[in-house]
Amino acid sequence: MKYGYARVSTVDQNANLQKDALKSAGCKKVVIEQISGASAKRPKLDKLLASLTDGDILTVWRLDRLGRSLPHLIEVVRDLEEKGAHFQSLTEGIDTTIAQGRLTFHLMGALAEFERSLIVERTQAGLKAARKRGVRIGRPPALTSAQIKHAKKLIDGGERPTAVAASLNVNRSTLYRAIK
């Protein structure tokens, strides 16, 4: 069976354009959801996806109506493939019921994976360059060097480490790590 999924982000938006296109494409049932595209929780979509079985087709008017991001979209379509179901996007002309549509979608997946790899490489290169310049990566230290000197002096003078840590508003283990 062919199912349609339409989504609008706000109450002011109207899903009639999507609904009409999905009905014209042969969808027997159209599920309409009013929820932000950024939302990870889409109850109606989740219920629809769970109900799809071998041979069913999920159709959307445009890719952005289904996926929050390209990786999310690819994950949804892979889940459909595992069930033996198919996917169609009317605007982009993607149809996984035919070989060309599957190829197009797999190419998009490969490009998304390549993009993620490039982001990781650029991030790592940026961190490495920052470290070479002497930039400290990570959380700022809980205690300044002056506070550490003062704490050492107090502890050497007989103060209990627990009391010194409390006066500096840090945990005792943080104080011990700092004075090592």
Protein backbone atom coordinates (compact mmCIF):
# COMPACT_ATOMS: atom_id res chain seq x y z
CA MET A 1 0.00 0.00 0.00
CA LYS A 2 1.15 3.53 -0.70
CA TYR A 3 1.20 5.90 2.30
CA GLY A 4 1.78 9.63 2.26
CA TYR A 5 3.36 11.73 4.99
CA ALA A 6 2.86 15.49 5.12
CA ARG A 7 4.27 17.85 7.74
CA VAL A 8 3.75 21.52 8.49
CA SER A 9 5.73 23.39 11.13
CA THR A 10 3.18 25.85 12.49
CA VAL A 11 -0.56 26.11 13.01
CA ASP A 12 -0.63 28.92 10.41
CA GLN A 13 0.70 26.63 7.68
CA ASN A 14 -1.60 24.52 5.57
CA ALA A 15 -0.87 20.97 4.39
CA ASN A 16 -3.36 21.04 1.50
CA LEU A 17 -0.67 21.39 -1.20
CA GLN A 18 1.20 18.37 0.15
CA LYS A 19 -1.99 16.37 0.72
CA ASP A 20 -3.26 17.02 -2.82
CA ALA A 21 0.11 16.05 -4.36
CA LEU A 22 0.26 12.86 -2.30
CA LYS A 23 -3.31 11.89 -3.21
CA SER A 24 -2.55 12.57 -6.92
CA ALA A 25 0.51 10.30 -6.61
CA GLY A 26 -1.77 7.44 -5.54
CA CYS A 27 -1.41 7.46 -1.76
CA LYS A 28 -4.32 5.56 -0.20
CA LYS A 29 -3.68 7.04 3.25
CA VAL A 30 -2.07 10.40 4.07
CA VAL A 31 -0.80 11.18 7.56
CA ILE A 32 -0.53 14.89 8.36
CA GLU A 33 1.56 16.12 11.26
CA GLN A 34 1.89 19.65 12.62
CA ILE A 35 5.31 19.77 14.30
CA SER A 36 8.63 21.55 13.86
CA GLY A 37 11.11 19.95 11.48
CA ALA A 38 13.79 20.21 14.17
CA SER A 39 11.77 18.08 16.58
CA ALA A 40 13.26 14.65 17.17
CA LYS A 41 9.91 13.30 18.34
CA ARG A 42 7.29 12.94 15.63
CA PRO A 43 4.60 10.65 17.02
CA LYS A 44 2.52 10.33 13.83
CA LEU A 45 5.59 9.66 11.68
CA ASP A 46 6.93 7.13 14.18
CA LYS A 47 3.57 5.31 14.22
CA LEU A 48 3.40 5.32 10.41
CA LEU A 49 6.97 4.02 10.05
CA ALA A 50 6.27 1.25 12.57
CA SER A 51 3.20 0.14 10.60
CA LEU A 52 4.94 -0.20 7.22
CA THR A 53 5.63 -3.71 5.95
CA ASP A 54 7.13 -5.47 2.95
CA GLY A 55 6.02 -3.84 -0.31
CA ASP A 56 4.59 -0.67 1.27
CA ILE A 57 5.69 2.71 -0.08
CA LEU A 58 6.20 5.85 2.00
CA THR A 59 5.76 8.96 -0.13
CA VAL A 60 6.54 12.56 0.78
CA TRP A 61 6.04 15.76 -1.16
CA ARG A 62 9.61 16.96 -0.47
CA LEU A 63 12.59 15.48 1.39
CA ASP A 64 12.59 18.22 4.03
CA ARG A 65 9.07 17.17 5.10
CA LEU A 66 10.46 13.82 6.29
CA GLY A 67 14.06 14.23 7.48
CA ARG A 68 15.52 16.63 10.04
CA SER A 69 18.87 16.27 8.30
CA LEU A 70 20.40 14.19 5.53
CA PRO A 71 21.80 11.59 7.99
CA HIS A 72 18.34 11.30 9.61
CA LEU A 73 16.71 10.93 6.21
CA ILE A 74 19.16 8.21 5.23
CA GLU A 75 18.52 6.39 8.51
CA VAL A 76 14.75 6.44 7.88
CA VAL A 77 15.13 5.08 4.35
CA ARG A 78 17.55 2.35 5.52
CA ASP A 79 14.97 1.31 8.13
CA LEU A 80 12.36 1.14 5.35
CA GLU A 81 14.68 -1.00 3.21
CA GLU A 82 15.19 -3.43 6.11
CA LYS A 83 11.40 -3.88 6.28
CA GLY A 84 11.17 -4.37 2.52
CA ALA A 85 9.31 -1.06 2.16
CA HIS A 86 10.16 1.68 -0.32
CA PHE A 87 10.44 5.47 -0.38
CA GLN A 88 9.39 8.17 -2.81
CA SER A 89 9.90 11.92 -2.81
CA LEU A 90 7.71 13.64 -5.39
CA THR A 91 9.59 16.94 -5.75
CA GLU A 92 13.10 15.45 -5.98
CA GLY A 93 11.96 12.50 -8.10
CA ILE A 94 13.48 9.86 -5.81
CA ASP A 95 11.82 6.46 -6.03
CA THR A 96 13.50 3.47 -4.36
CA THR A 97 11.11 1.06 -6.07
CA ILE A 98 13.36 1.36 -9.14
CA ALA A 99 17.11 0.84 -9.49
CA GLN A 100 17.85 4.44 -10.50
CA GLY A 101 16.07 5.76 -7.38
CA ARG A 102 18.01 3.40 -5.12
CA LEU A 103 21.26 4.49 -6.76
CA THR A 104 20.41 8.17 -6.30
CA PHE A 105 19.62 7.63 -2.65
CA HIS A 106 22.78 5.59 -2.00
CA LEU A 107 24.85 8.32 -3.67
CA MET A 108 23.26 10.87 -1.34
CA GLY A 109 24.14 8.63 1.59
CA ALA A 110 27.75 8.31 0.44
CA LEU A 111 28.00 12.09 0.05
CA ALA A 112 26.57 12.62 3.54
CA GLU A 113 29.10 10.19 5.00
CA PHE A 114 31.89 11.95 3.10
CA GLU A 115 30.71 15.31 4.46
CA ARG A 116 30.72 13.97 8.05
CA SER A 117 34.28 12.65 7.53
CA LEU A 118 35.44 16.04 6.24
CA ILE A 119 33.92 17.79 9.24
CA VAL A 120 35.73 15.42 11.61
CA GLU A 121 39.05 15.91 9.76
CA ARG A 122 38.69 19.72 9.80
CA THR A 123 37.82 19.71 13.49
CA GLN A 124 40.81 17.53 14.37
CA ALA A 125 43.14 19.66 12.25
CA GLY A 126 41.83 22.83 13.92
CA LEU A 127 42.36 21.38 17.40
CA LYS A 128 45.88 20.24 16.51
CA ALA A 129 46.77 23.70 15.15
CA ALA A 130 45.34 25.36 18.27
CA ARG A 131 47.39 23.08 20.54
CA LYS A 132 50.55 23.96 18.56
CA ARG A 133 49.80 27.64 19.18
CA GLY A 134 49.57 26.89 22.89
CA VAL A 135 45.81 27.17 23.21
CA ARG A 136 44.47 25.10 26.08
CA ILE A 137 41.68 22.84 24.84
CA GLY A 138 38.84 21.87 27.13
CA ARG A 139 37.38 23.18 30.32
CA PRO A 140 39.09 26.08 32.03
CA PRO A 141 40.93 25.15 35.23
CA ALA A 142 38.83 25.34 38.40
CA LEU A 143 41.62 27.12 40.30
CA THR A 144 44.04 29.85 39.28
CA SER A 145 47.76 29.51 39.98
CA ALA A 146 47.40 32.10 42.77
CA GLN A 147 44.64 30.05 44.40
CA ILE A 148 46.76 26.89 44.15
CA LYS A 149 49.74 28.64 45.80
CA HIS A 150 47.47 29.96 48.55
CA ALA A 151 45.95 26.49 49.10
CA LYS A 152 49.42 24.87 49.36
CA LYS A 153 50.46 27.47 51.91
CA LEU A 154 47.31 26.88 54.01
CA ILE A 155 47.71 23.08 53.91
CA ASP A 156 51.43 23.31 54.77
CA GLY A 157 50.41 25.57 57.68
CA GLY A 158 48.15 22.87 59.11
CA GLU A 159 44.74 23.59 57.57
CA ARG A 160 42.65 20.57 56.66
CA PRO A 161 42.40 20.04 52.87
CA THR A 162 38.61 19.65 53.16
CA ALA A 163 38.31 23.11 54.75
CA VAL A 164 40.64 24.67 52.16
CA ALA A 165 38.65 23.10 49.30
CA ALA A 166 35.40 24.40 50.80
CA SER A 167 36.84 27.92 51.12
CA LEU A 168 37.76 27.81 47.41
CA ASN A 169 34.34 26.39 46.40
CA VAL A 170 35.84 23.25 44.84
CA ASN A 171 35.70 19.56 45.61
CA ARG A 172 38.53 18.11 47.67
CA SER A 173 39.62 15.86 44.77
CA THR A 174 39.83 18.94 42.52
CA LEU A 175 42.10 20.60 45.08
CA TYR A 176 44.33 17.50 45.33
CA ARG A 177 44.70 17.32 41.52
CA ALA A 178 45.58 21.01 41.36
CA ILE A 179 48.30 20.92 44.03
CA LYS A 180 50.08 17.88 42.56
